[in-house]
Amino acid sequence: MNLISELLTLVARVVRAALFLLLFLALLLVGLVVFGVLLVWSLLRGRPLQRPTMGVFRTASDFRAQAFKRQAEPMGEVVDVEVREVPQQPHQPQPPQQQPRLDR
C-alpha cells in the first residue's frame, strides 16, 4: 500500500511540474507575441518602441526630470533680413576647351 501511495505521489508531482512548465511556456509565448505585434506596429508607423510608463507616479517622475535640466541659454539678437528676388541670368554654355594631344 505504501508503494502505491509513493508511486501516485510521484506521478502527481511529475504531472504538476509538467503543467507548471506548460503554463510558463504559454505565458512566455503570449509575451513574445505581444512584443512581436508591438514591434511590427512600430515599424509600420516608423516610430521606435516606447517604454511603457504606467501608474500614478508618471507625472512626478516628469517633474523630477525637469528639475535637473539645465536652463536654456539666452538666444542672441534676432536679425530681420529683407528678402529680394534675384533674377536668373540665362544660362550661357561655355565653348568646349581643346584638350592637348598626347601623341608621340
PDB file of N, CA and C in Angstrom:
ATOM      1  N   MET A   1       0.812  -1.189   0.000  1.00  0.00           N
ATOM      2  CA  MET A   1       0.000   0.000   0.000  1.00  0.00           C
ATOM      3  C   MET A   1       0.859   1.259   0.000  1.00  0.00           C
ATOM      4  N   ASN A   2       1.949   1.206   0.742  1.00  0.00           N
ATOM      5  CA  ASN A   2       2.852   2.339   0.813  1.00  0.00           C
ATOM      6  C   ASN A   2       3.511   2.601  -0.541  1.00  0.00           C
ATOM      7  N   LEU A   3       3.816   1.530  -1.279  1.00  0.00           N
ATOM      8  CA  LEU A   3       4.450   1.653  -2.589  1.00  0.00           C
ATOM      9  C   LEU A   3       3.508   2.326  -3.581  1.00  0.00           C
ATOM     10  N   ILE A   4       2.239   1.964  -3.538  1.00  0.00           N
ATOM     11  CA  ILE A   4       1.256   2.570  -4.439  1.00  0.00           C
ATOM     12  C   ILE A   4       1.079   4.046  -4.106  1.00  0.00           C
ATOM     13  N   SER A   5       1.058   4.385  -2.842  1.00  0.00           N
ATOM     14  CA  SER A   5       0.914   5.776  -2.424  1.00  0.00           C
ATOM     15  C   SER A   5       2.108   6.612  -2.890  1.00  0.00           C
ATOM     16  N   GLU A   6       3.314   6.064  -2.743  1.00  0.00           N
ATOM     17  CA  GLU A   6       4.506   6.789  -3.201  1.00  0.00           C
ATOM     18  C   GLU A   6       4.515   6.942  -4.718  1.00  0.00           C
ATOM     19  N   LEU A   7       4.071   5.894  -5.419  1.00  0.00           N
ATOM     20  CA  LEU A   7       4.029   5.954  -6.881  1.00  0.00           C
ATOM     21  C   LEU A   7       3.020   6.998  -7.353  1.00  0.00           C
ATOM     22  N   LEU A   8       1.845   7.046  -6.723  1.00  0.00           N
ATOM     23  CA  LEU A   8       0.845   8.049  -7.092  1.00  0.00           C
ATOM     24  C   LEU A   8       1.323   9.463  -6.756  1.00  0.00           C
ATOM     25  N   THR A   9       2.033   9.618  -5.647  1.00  0.00           N
ATOM     26  CA  THR A   9       2.585  10.928  -5.286  1.00  0.00           C
ATOM     27  C   THR A   9       3.615  11.371  -6.317  1.00  0.00           C
ATOM     28  N   LEU A  10       4.463  10.455  -6.745  1.00  0.00           N
ATOM     29  CA  LEU A  10       5.471  10.775  -7.756  1.00  0.00           C
ATOM     30  C   LEU A  10       4.818  11.161  -9.080  1.00  0.00           C
ATOM     31  N   VAL A  11       3.804  10.409  -9.492  1.00  0.00           N
ATOM     32  CA  VAL A  11       3.100  10.725 -10.742  1.00  0.00           C
ATOM     33  C   VAL A  11       2.422  12.085 -10.633  1.00  0.00           C
ATOM     34  N   ALA A  12       1.815  12.375  -9.480  1.00  0.00           N
ATOM     35  CA  ALA A  12       1.154  13.672  -9.291  1.00  0.00           C
ATOM     36  C   ALA A  12       2.168  14.808  -9.349  1.00  0.00           C
ATOM     37  N   ARG A  13       3.350  14.620  -8.758  1.00  0.00           N
ATOM     38  CA  ARG A  13       4.385  15.655  -8.810  1.00  0.00           C
ATOM     39  C   ARG A  13       4.874  15.885 -10.240  1.00  0.00           C
ATOM     40  N   VAL A  14       5.055  14.808 -10.985  1.00  0.00           N
ATOM     41  CA  VAL A  14       5.521  14.935 -12.376  1.00  0.00           C
ATOM     42  C   VAL A  14       4.468  15.647 -13.223  1.00  0.00           C
ATOM     43  N   VAL A  15       3.207  15.283 -13.037  1.00  0.00           N
ATOM     44  CA  VAL A  15       2.132  15.936 -13.799  1.00  0.00           C
ATOM     45  C   VAL A  15       2.036  17.407 -13.420  1.00  0.00           C
ATOM     46  N   ARG A  16       2.146  17.707 -12.127  1.00  0.00           N
ATOM     47  CA  ARG A  16       2.083  19.099 -11.681  1.00  0.00           C
ATOM     48  C   ARG A  16       3.257  19.909 -12.246  1.00  0.00           C
ATOM     49  N   ALA A  17       4.454  19.327 -12.243  1.00  0.00           N
ATOM     50  CA  ALA A  17       5.618  20.019 -12.802  1.00  0.00           C
ATOM     51  C   ALA A  17       5.435  20.260 -14.302  1.00  0.00           C
ATOM     52  N   ALA A  18       4.879  19.268 -15.000  1.00  0.00           N
ATOM     53  CA  ALA A  18       4.646  19.429 -16.437  1.00  0.00           C
ATOM     54  C   ALA A  18       3.616  20.527 -16.699  1.00  0.00           C
ATOM     55  N   LEU A  19       2.571  20.590 -15.869  1.00  0.00           N
ATOM     56  CA  LEU A  19       1.565  21.634 -16.045  1.00  0.00           C
ATOM     57  C   LEU A  19       2.135  23.020 -15.748  1.00  0.00           C
ATOM     58  N   PHE A  20       2.971  23.136 -14.710  1.00  0.00           N
ATOM     59  CA  PHE A  20       3.608  24.423 -14.421  1.00  0.00           C
ATOM     60  C   PHE A  20       4.531  24.847 -15.564  1.00  0.00           C
ATOM     61  N   LEU A  21       5.266  23.886 -16.116  1.00  0.00           N
ATOM     62  CA  LEU A  21       6.138  24.184 -17.253  1.00  0.00           C
ATOM     63  C   LEU A  21       5.311  24.616 -18.459  1.00  0.00           C
ATOM     64  N   LEU A  22       4.195  23.948 -18.690  1.00  0.00           N
ATOM     65  CA  LEU A  22       3.322  24.319 -19.797  1.00  0.00           C
ATOM     66  C   LEU A  22       2.740  25.719 -19.601  1.00  0.00           C
ATOM     67  N   LEU A  23       2.332  26.043 -18.379  1.00  0.00           N
ATOM     68  CA  LEU A  23       1.817  27.375 -18.086  1.00  0.00           C
ATOM     69  C   LEU A  23       2.894  28.435 -18.300  1.00  0.00           C
ATOM     70  N   PHE A  24       4.110  28.168 -17.833  1.00  0.00           N
ATOM     71  CA  PHE A  24       5.216  29.104 -18.013  1.00  0.00           C
ATOM     72  C   PHE A  24       5.493  29.340 -19.496  1.00  0.00           C
ATOM     73  N   LEU A  25       5.543  28.267 -20.274  1.00  0.00           N
ATOM     74  CA  LEU A  25       5.817  28.416 -21.706  1.00  0.00           C
ATOM     75  C   LEU A  25       4.687  29.149 -22.423  1.00  0.00           C
ATOM     76  N   ALA A  26       3.452  28.921 -21.995  1.00  0.00           N
ATOM     77  CA  ALA A  26       2.320  29.624 -22.609  1.00  0.00           C
ATOM     78  C   ALA A  26       2.389  31.121 -22.313  1.00  0.00           C
ATOM     79  N   LEU A  27       2.704  31.486 -21.069  1.00  0.00           N
ATOM     80  CA  LEU A  27       2.833  32.909 -20.727  1.00  0.00           C
ATOM     81  C   LEU A  27       4.012  33.545 -21.456  1.00  0.00           C
ATOM     82  N   LEU A  28       5.102  32.809 -21.591  1.00  0.00           N
ATOM     83  CA  LEU A  28       6.257  33.313 -22.334  1.00  0.00           C
ATOM     84  C   LEU A  28       5.891  33.535 -23.800  1.00  0.00           C
ATOM     85  N   LEU A  29       5.136  32.617 -24.370  1.00  0.00           N
ATOM     86  CA  LEU A  29       4.710  32.759 -25.760  1.00  0.00           C
ATOM     87  C   LEU A  29       3.778  33.955 -25.932  1.00  0.00           C
ATOM     88  N   VAL A  30       2.874  34.170 -24.987  1.00  0.00           N
ATOM     89  CA  VAL A  30       1.981  35.333 -25.051  1.00  0.00           C
ATOM     90  C   VAL A  30       2.796  36.621 -25.004  1.00  0.00           C
ATOM     91  N   GLY A  31       3.784  36.679 -24.123  1.00  0.00           N
ATOM     92  CA  GLY A  31       4.638  37.865 -24.039  1.00  0.00           C
ATOM     93  C   GLY A  31       5.404  38.108 -25.323  1.00  0.00           C
ATOM     94  N   LEU A  32       5.940  37.052 -25.921  1.00  0.00           N
ATOM     95  CA  LEU A  32       6.673  37.206 -27.178  1.00  0.00           C
ATOM     96  C   LEU A  32       5.758  37.642 -28.319  1.00  0.00           C
ATOM     97  N   VAL A  33       4.543  37.126 -28.352  1.00  0.00           N
ATOM     98  CA  VAL A  33       3.597  37.530 -29.397  1.00  0.00           C
ATOM     99  C   VAL A  33       3.224  38.999 -29.236  1.00  0.00           C
ATOM    100  N   VAL A  34       2.969  39.435 -28.008  1.00  0.00           N
ATOM    101  CA  VAL A  34       2.644  40.847 -27.772  1.00  0.00           C
ATOM    102  C   VAL A  34       3.818  41.727 -28.176  1.00  0.00           C
ATOM    103  N   PHE A  35       5.039  41.335 -27.805  1.00  0.00           N
ATOM    104  CA  PHE A  35       6.222  42.105 -28.190  1.00  0.00           C
ATOM    105  C   PHE A  35       6.374  42.145 -29.707  1.00  0.00           C
ATOM    106  N   GLY A  36       6.141  41.025 -30.378  1.00  0.00           N
ATOM    107  CA  GLY A  36       6.248  40.992 -31.837  1.00  0.00           C
ATOM    108  C   GLY A  36       5.221  41.888 -32.508  1.00  0.00           C
ATOM    109  N   VAL A  37       3.991  41.872 -31.999  1.00  0.00           N
ATOM    110  CA  VAL A  37       2.947  42.732 -32.569  1.00  0.00           C
ATOM    111  C   VAL A  37       3.306  44.198 -32.369  1.00  0.00           C
ATOM    112  N   LEU A  38       3.784  44.552 -31.173  1.00  0.00           N
ATOM    113  CA  LEU A  38       4.181  45.941 -30.931  1.00  0.00           C
ATOM    114  C   LEU A  38       5.365  46.343 -31.802  1.00  0.00           C
ATOM    115  N   LEU A  39       6.299  45.435 -32.017  1.00  0.00           N
ATOM    116  CA  LEU A  39       7.453  45.733 -32.861  1.00  0.00           C
ATOM    117  C   LEU A  39       7.028  45.954 -34.308  1.00  0.00           C
ATOM    118  N   VAL A  40       6.165  45.099 -34.823  1.00  0.00           N
ATOM    119  CA  VAL A  40       5.682  45.275 -36.200  1.00  0.00           C
ATOM    120  C   VAL A  40       4.886  46.569 -36.317  1.00  0.00           C
ATOM    121  N   TRP A  41       4.060  46.865 -35.316  1.00  0.00           N
ATOM    122  CA  TRP A  41       3.269  48.098 -35.333  1.00  0.00           C
ATOM    123  C   TRP A  41       4.179  49.324 -35.338  1.00  0.00           C
ATOM    124  N   SER A  42       5.246  49.286 -34.549  1.00  0.00           N
ATOM    125  CA  SER A  42       6.155  50.435 -34.514  1.00  0.00           C
ATOM    126  C   SER A  42       6.917  50.562 -35.825  1.00  0.00           C
ATOM    127  N   LEU A  43       7.249  49.450 -36.458  1.00  0.00           N
ATOM    128  CA  LEU A  43       7.941  49.524 -37.748  1.00  0.00           C
ATOM    129  C   LEU A  43       7.014  50.043 -38.841  1.00  0.00           C
ATOM    130  N   LEU A  44       5.743  49.678 -38.777  1.00  0.00           N
ATOM    131  CA  LEU A  44       4.789  50.184 -39.765  1.00  0.00           C
ATOM    132  C   LEU A  44       4.576  51.683 -39.610  1.00  0.00           C
ATOM    133  N   ARG A  45       4.564  52.162 -38.377  1.00  0.00           N
ATOM    134  CA  ARG A  45       4.359  53.588 -38.127  1.00  0.00           C
ATOM    135  C   ARG A  45       5.631  54.387 -38.298  1.00  0.00           C
ATOM    136  N   GLY A  46       6.787  53.733 -38.281  1.00  0.00           N
ATOM    137  CA  GLY A  46       8.054  54.433 -38.419  1.00  0.00           C
ATOM    138  C   GLY A  46       8.523  55.091 -37.142  1.00  0.00           C
ATOM    139  N   ARG A  47       8.019  54.657 -36.023  1.00  0.00           N
ATOM    140  CA  ARG A  47       8.429  55.212 -34.733  1.00  0.00           C
ATOM    141  C   ARG A  47       9.056  54.104 -33.894  1.00  0.00           C
ATOM    142  N   PRO A  48      10.035  54.449 -33.054  1.00  0.00           N
ATOM    143  CA  PRO A  48      10.642  53.408 -32.224  1.00  0.00           C
ATOM    144  C   PRO A  48       9.692  52.960 -31.118  1.00  0.00           C
ATOM    145  N   LEU A  49       9.975  51.787 -30.581  1.00  0.00           N
ATOM    146  CA  LEU A  49       9.180  51.301 -29.459  1.00  0.00           C
ATOM    147  C   LEU A  49       9.364  52.226 -28.270  1.00  0.00           C
ATOM    148  N   GLN A  50       8.289  52.509 -27.584  1.00  0.00           N
ATOM    149  CA  GLN A  50       8.365  53.374 -26.417  1.00  0.00           C
ATOM    150  C   GLN A  50       8.281  52.523 -25.166  1.00  0.00           C
ATOM    151  N   ARG A  51       9.047  52.901 -24.175  1.00  0.00           N
ATOM    152  CA  ARG A  51       8.999  52.195 -22.906  1.00  0.00           C
ATOM    153  C   ARG A  51       7.665  52.506 -22.237  1.00  0.00           C
ATOM    154  N   PRO A  52       6.926  51.486 -21.837  1.00  0.00           N
ATOM    155  CA  PRO A  52       5.622  51.773 -21.224  1.00  0.00           C
ATOM    156  C   PRO A  52       5.787  52.456 -19.873  1.00  0.00           C
ATOM    157  N   THR A  53       5.038  53.518 -19.682  1.00  0.00           N
ATOM    158  CA  THR A  53       5.046  54.234 -18.411  1.00  0.00           C
ATOM    159  C   THR A  53       3.630  54.176 -17.868  1.00  0.00           C
ATOM    160  N   MET A  54       3.472  53.455 -16.780  1.00  0.00           N
ATOM    161  CA  MET A  54       2.142  53.300 -16.220  1.00  0.00           C
ATOM    162  C   MET A  54       2.174  53.710 -14.763  1.00  0.00           C
ATOM    163  N   GLY A  55       1.052  54.034 -14.264  1.00  0.00           N
ATOM    164  CA  GLY A  55       0.948  54.300 -12.842  1.00  0.00           C
ATOM    165  C   GLY A  55       0.741  55.764 -12.534  1.00  0.00           C
ATOM    166  N   VAL A  56       0.591  56.021 -11.268  1.00  0.00           N
ATOM    167  CA  VAL A  56       0.289  57.360 -10.777  1.00  0.00           C
ATOM    168  C   VAL A  56       1.529  58.232 -10.770  1.00  0.00           C
ATOM    169  N   PHE A  57       2.692  57.631 -10.627  1.00  0.00           N
ATOM    170  CA  PHE A  57       3.909  58.393 -10.403  1.00  0.00           C
ATOM    171  C   PHE A  57       4.555  58.885 -11.694  1.00  0.00           C
ATOM    172  N   ARG A  58       3.902  58.736 -12.825  1.00  0.00           N
ATOM    173  CA  ARG A  58       4.489  59.173 -14.080  1.00  0.00           C
ATOM    174  C   ARG A  58       4.709  60.673 -14.100  1.00  0.00           C
ATOM    175  N   THR A  59       3.726  61.444 -13.676  1.00  0.00           N
ATOM    176  CA  THR A  59       3.872  62.901 -13.705  1.00  0.00           C
ATOM    177  C   THR A  59       4.907  63.351 -12.695  1.00  0.00           C
ATOM    178  N   ALA A  60       4.992  62.679 -11.569  1.00  0.00           N
ATOM    179  CA  ALA A  60       6.007  63.039 -10.582  1.00  0.00           C
ATOM    180  C   ALA A  60       7.399  62.797 -11.141  1.00  0.00           C
ATOM    181  N   SER A  61       7.585  61.721 -11.888  1.00  0.00           N
ATOM    182  CA  SER A  61       8.903  61.475 -12.472  1.00  0.00           C
ATOM    183  C   SER A  61       9.216  62.507 -13.545  1.00  0.00           C
ATOM    184  N   ASP A  62       8.194  62.977 -14.272  1.00  0.00           N
ATOM    185  CA  ASP A  62       8.426  64.029 -15.263  1.00  0.00           C
ATOM    186  C   ASP A  62       8.865  65.317 -14.584  1.00  0.00           C
ATOM    187  N   PHE A  63       8.218  65.666 -13.468  1.00  0.00           N
ATOM    188  CA  PHE A  63       8.609  66.877 -12.748  1.00  0.00           C
ATOM    189  C   PHE A  63      10.038  66.754 -12.231  1.00  0.00           C
ATOM    190  N   ARG A  64      10.367  65.576 -11.738  1.00  0.00           N
ATOM    191  CA  ARG A  64      11.705  65.361 -11.202  1.00  0.00           C
ATOM    192  C   ARG A  64      12.745  65.471 -12.318  1.00  0.00           C
ATOM    193  N   ALA A  65      12.440  64.944 -13.498  1.00  0.00           N
ATOM    194  CA  ALA A  65      13.381  65.017 -14.613  1.00  0.00           C
ATOM    195  C   ALA A  65      13.560  66.459 -15.069  1.00  0.00           C
ATOM    196  N   GLN A  66      12.488  67.244 -15.037  1.00  0.00           N
ATOM    197  CA  GLN A  66      12.600  68.638 -15.464  1.00  0.00           C
ATOM    198  C   GLN A  66      13.354  69.476 -14.448  1.00  0.00           C
ATOM    199  N   ALA A  67      13.374  69.067 -13.194  1.00  0.00           N
ATOM    200  CA  ALA A  67      14.029  69.865 -12.160  1.00  0.00           C
ATOM    201  C   ALA A  67      15.539  69.894 -12.350  1.00  0.00           C
ATOM    202  N   PHE A  68      16.104  68.847 -12.935  1.00  0.00           N
ATOM    203  CA  PHE A  68      17.552  68.776 -13.068  1.00  0.00           C
ATOM    204  C   PHE A  68      18.041  69.158 -14.462  1.00  0.00           C
ATOM    205  N   LYS A  69      17.156  69.609 -15.327  1.00  0.00           N
ATOM    206  CA  LYS A  69      17.582  70.047 -16.657  1.00  0.00           C
ATOM    207  C   LYS A  69      18.288  71.389 -16.558  1.00  0.00           C
ATOM    208  N   ARG A  70      19.254  71.587 -17.455  1.00  0.00           N
ATOM    209  CA  ARG A  70      19.914  72.888 -17.490  1.00  0.00           C
ATOM    210  C   ARG A  70      18.966  73.907 -18.099  1.00  0.00           C
ATOM    211  N   GLN A  71      19.102  75.117 -17.641  1.00  0.00           N
ATOM    212  CA  GLN A  71      18.278  76.187 -18.192  1.00  0.00           C
ATOM    213  C   GLN A  71      18.778  76.502 -19.599  1.00  0.00           C
ATOM    214  N   ALA A  72      17.864  76.840 -20.467  1.00  0.00           N
ATOM    215  CA  ALA A  72      18.242  77.178 -21.833  1.00  0.00           C
ATOM    216  C   ALA A  72      19.030  78.481 -21.829  1.00  0.00           C
ATOM    217  N   GLU A  73      20.077  78.498 -22.640  1.00  0.00           N
ATOM    218  CA  GLU A  73      20.884  79.711 -22.716  1.00  0.00           C
ATOM    219  C   GLU A  73      20.105  80.766 -23.488  1.00  0.00           C
ATOM    220  N   PRO A  74      20.283  82.041 -23.140  1.00  0.00           N
ATOM    221  CA  PRO A  74      19.537  83.080 -23.846  1.00  0.00           C
ATOM    222  C   PRO A  74      19.948  83.123 -25.317  1.00  0.00           C
ATOM    223  N   MET A  75      18.958  83.355 -26.137  1.00  0.00           N
ATOM    224  CA  MET A  75      19.210  83.423 -27.573  1.00  0.00           C
ATOM    225  C   MET A  75      19.876  84.753 -27.897  1.00  0.00           C
ATOM    226  N   GLY A  76      20.603  84.792 -29.005  1.00  0.00           N
ATOM    227  CA  GLY A  76      21.237  86.037 -29.438  1.00  0.00           C
ATOM    228  C   GLY A  76      20.197  86.978 -30.021  1.00  0.00           C
ATOM    229  N   GLU A  77      20.690  88.064 -30.577  1.00  0.00           N
ATOM    230  CA  GLU A  77      19.773  89.035 -31.172  1.00  0.00           C
ATOM    231  C   GLU A  77      19.096  88.442 -32.396  1.00  0.00           C
ATOM    232  N   VAL A  78      17.878  88.862 -32.599  1.00  0.00           N
ATOM    233  CA  VAL A  78      17.137  88.433 -33.773  1.00  0.00           C
ATOM    234  C   VAL A  78      17.393  89.449 -34.869  1.00  0.00           C
ATOM    235  N   VAL A  79      17.812  88.961 -36.029  1.00  0.00           N
ATOM    236  CA  VAL A  79      18.131  89.849 -37.143  1.00  0.00           C
ATOM    237  C   VAL A  79      17.078  89.648 -38.218  1.00  0.00           C
ATOM    238  N   ASP A  80      16.422  90.748 -38.595  1.00  0.00           N
ATOM    239  CA  ASP A  80      15.459  90.686 -39.687  1.00  0.00           C
ATOM    240  C   ASP A  80      16.201  90.875 -41.000  1.00  0.00           C
ATOM    241  N   VAL A  81      15.852  90.081 -41.968  1.00  0.00           N
ATOM    242  CA  VAL A  81      16.512  90.137 -43.267  1.00  0.00           C
ATOM    243  C   VAL A  81      15.472  90.509 -44.302  1.00  0.00           C
ATOM    244  N   GLU A  82      15.830  91.465 -45.151  1.00  0.00           N
ATOM    245  CA  GLU A  82      14.931  91.815 -46.244  1.00  0.00           C
ATOM    246  C   GLU A  82      15.118  90.809 -47.362  1.00  0.00           C
ATOM    247  N   VAL A  83      14.002  90.344 -47.854  1.00  0.00           N
ATOM    248  CA  VAL A  83      14.044  89.361 -48.929  1.00  0.00           C
ATOM    249  C   VAL A  83      13.912  90.097 -50.244  1.00  0.00           C
ATOM    250  N   ARG A  84      14.779  89.767 -51.182  1.00  0.00           N
ATOM    251  CA  ARG A  84      14.669  90.360 -52.517  1.00  0.00           C
ATOM    252  C   ARG A  84      14.863  89.254 -53.535  1.00  0.00           C
ATOM    253  N   GLU A  85      14.230  89.438 -54.647  1.00  0.00           N
ATOM    254  CA  GLU A  85      14.290  88.426 -55.684  1.00  0.00           C
ATOM    255  C   GLU A  85      15.496  88.684 -56.572  1.00  0.00           C
ATOM    256  N   VAL A  86      16.255  87.646 -56.823  1.00  0.00           N
ATOM    257  CA  VAL A  86      17.428  87.759 -57.687  1.00  0.00           C
ATOM    258  C   VAL A  86      17.042  87.182 -59.038  1.00  0.00           C
ATOM    259  N   PRO A  87      17.091  88.027 -60.094  1.00  0.00           N
ATOM    260  CA  PRO A  87      16.721  87.499 -61.416  1.00  0.00           C
ATOM    261  C   PRO A  87      17.764  86.489 -61.893  1.00  0.00           C
ATOM    262  N   GLN A  88      17.273  85.481 -62.564  1.00  0.00           N
ATOM    263  CA  GLN A  88      18.182  84.454 -63.067  1.00  0.00           C
ATOM    264  C   GLN A  88      18.759  84.902 -64.400  1.00  0.00           C
ATOM    265  N   GLN A  89      20.036  84.719 -64.563  1.00  0.00           N
ATOM    266  CA  GLN A  89      20.698  85.000 -65.831  1.00  0.00           C
ATOM    267  C   GLN A  89      20.472  83.798 -66.747  1.00  0.00           C
ATOM    268  N   PRO A  90      20.234  84.061 -68.019  1.00  0.00           N
ATOM    269  CA  PRO A  90      20.103  82.912 -68.928  1.00  0.00           C
ATOM    270  C   PRO A  90      21.425  82.144 -68.969  1.00  0.00           C
ATOM    271  N   HIS A  91      21.287  80.862 -68.972  1.00  0.00           N
ATOM    272  CA  HIS A  91      22.484  80.020 -68.947  1.00  0.00           C
ATOM    273  C   HIS A  91      23.196  80.119 -70.288  1.00  0.00           C
ATOM    274  N   GLN A  92      24.463  80.512 -70.232  1.00  0.00           N
ATOM    275  CA  GLN A  92      25.265  80.620 -71.451  1.00  0.00           C
ATOM    276  C   GLN A  92      26.245  79.457 -71.464  1.00  0.00           C
ATOM    277  N   PRO A  93      26.096  78.571 -72.434  1.00  0.00           N
ATOM    278  CA  PRO A  93      27.013  77.423 -72.472  1.00  0.00           C
ATOM    279  C   PRO A  93      28.432  77.894 -72.804  1.00  0.00           C
ATOM    280  N   GLN A  94      29.380  77.310 -72.143  1.00  0.00           N
ATOM    281  CA  GLN A  94      30.771  77.656 -72.398  1.00  0.00           C
ATOM    282  C   GLN A  94      31.272  76.815 -73.564  1.00  0.00           C
ATOM    283  N   PRO A  95      32.122  77.422 -74.401  1.00  0.00           N
ATOM    284  CA  PRO A  95      32.655  76.634 -75.523  1.00  0.00           C
ATOM    285  C   PRO A  95      33.566  75.529 -74.983  1.00  0.00           C
ATOM    286  N   PRO A  96      33.548  74.395 -75.632  1.00  0.00           N
ATOM    287  CA  PRO A  96      34.401  73.299 -75.161  1.00  0.00           C
ATOM    288  C   PRO A  96      35.871  73.685 -75.309  1.00  0.00           C
ATOM    289  N   GLN A  97      36.641  73.368 -74.321  1.00  0.00           N
ATOM    290  CA  GLN A  97      38.057  73.698 -74.381  1.00  0.00           C
ATOM    291  C   GLN A  97      38.804  72.569 -75.067  1.00  0.00           C
ATOM    292  N   GLN A  98      39.836  72.972 -75.802  1.00  0.00           N
ATOM    293  CA  GLN A  98      40.650  71.996 -76.521  1.00  0.00           C
ATOM    294  C   GLN A  98      41.567  71.289 -75.530  1.00  0.00           C
ATOM    295  N   GLN A  99      41.555  69.996 -75.598  1.00  0.00           N
ATOM    296  CA  GLN A  99      42.448  69.208 -74.763  1.00  0.00           C
ATOM    297  C   GLN A  99      43.760  69.014 -75.524  1.00  0.00           C
ATOM    298  N   PRO A 100      44.892  69.138 -74.856  1.00  0.00           N
ATOM    299  CA  PRO A 100      46.156  68.922 -75.568  1.00  0.00           C
ATOM    300  C   PRO A 100      46.280  67.455 -75.970  1.00  0.00           C
ATOM    301  N   ARG A 101      46.824  67.243 -77.135  1.00  0.00           N
ATOM    302  CA  ARG A 101      47.018  65.882 -77.630  1.00  0.00           C
ATOM    303  C   ARG A 101      48.314  65.332 -77.077  1.00  0.00           C
ATOM    304  N   LEU A 102      48.276  64.121 -76.730  1.00  0.00           N
ATOM    305  CA  LEU A 102      49.449  63.488 -76.144  1.00  0.00           C
ATOM    306  C   LEU A 102      50.005  62.415 -77.077  1.00  0.00           C
ATOM    307  N   ASP A 103      50.086  62.708 -78.364  1.00  0.00           N
ATOM    308  CA  ASP A 103      50.623  61.738 -79.333  1.00  0.00           C
ATOM    309  C   ASP A 103      52.144  61.793 -79.300  1.00  0.00           C
ATOM    310  N   ARG A 104      52.751  60.696 -79.524  1.00  0.00           N
ATOM    311  CA  ARG A 104      54.217  60.654 -79.636  1.00  0.00           C
ATOM    312  C   ARG A 104      54.630  59.920 -80.849  1.00  0.00           C
TER     313      ARG A 104
END
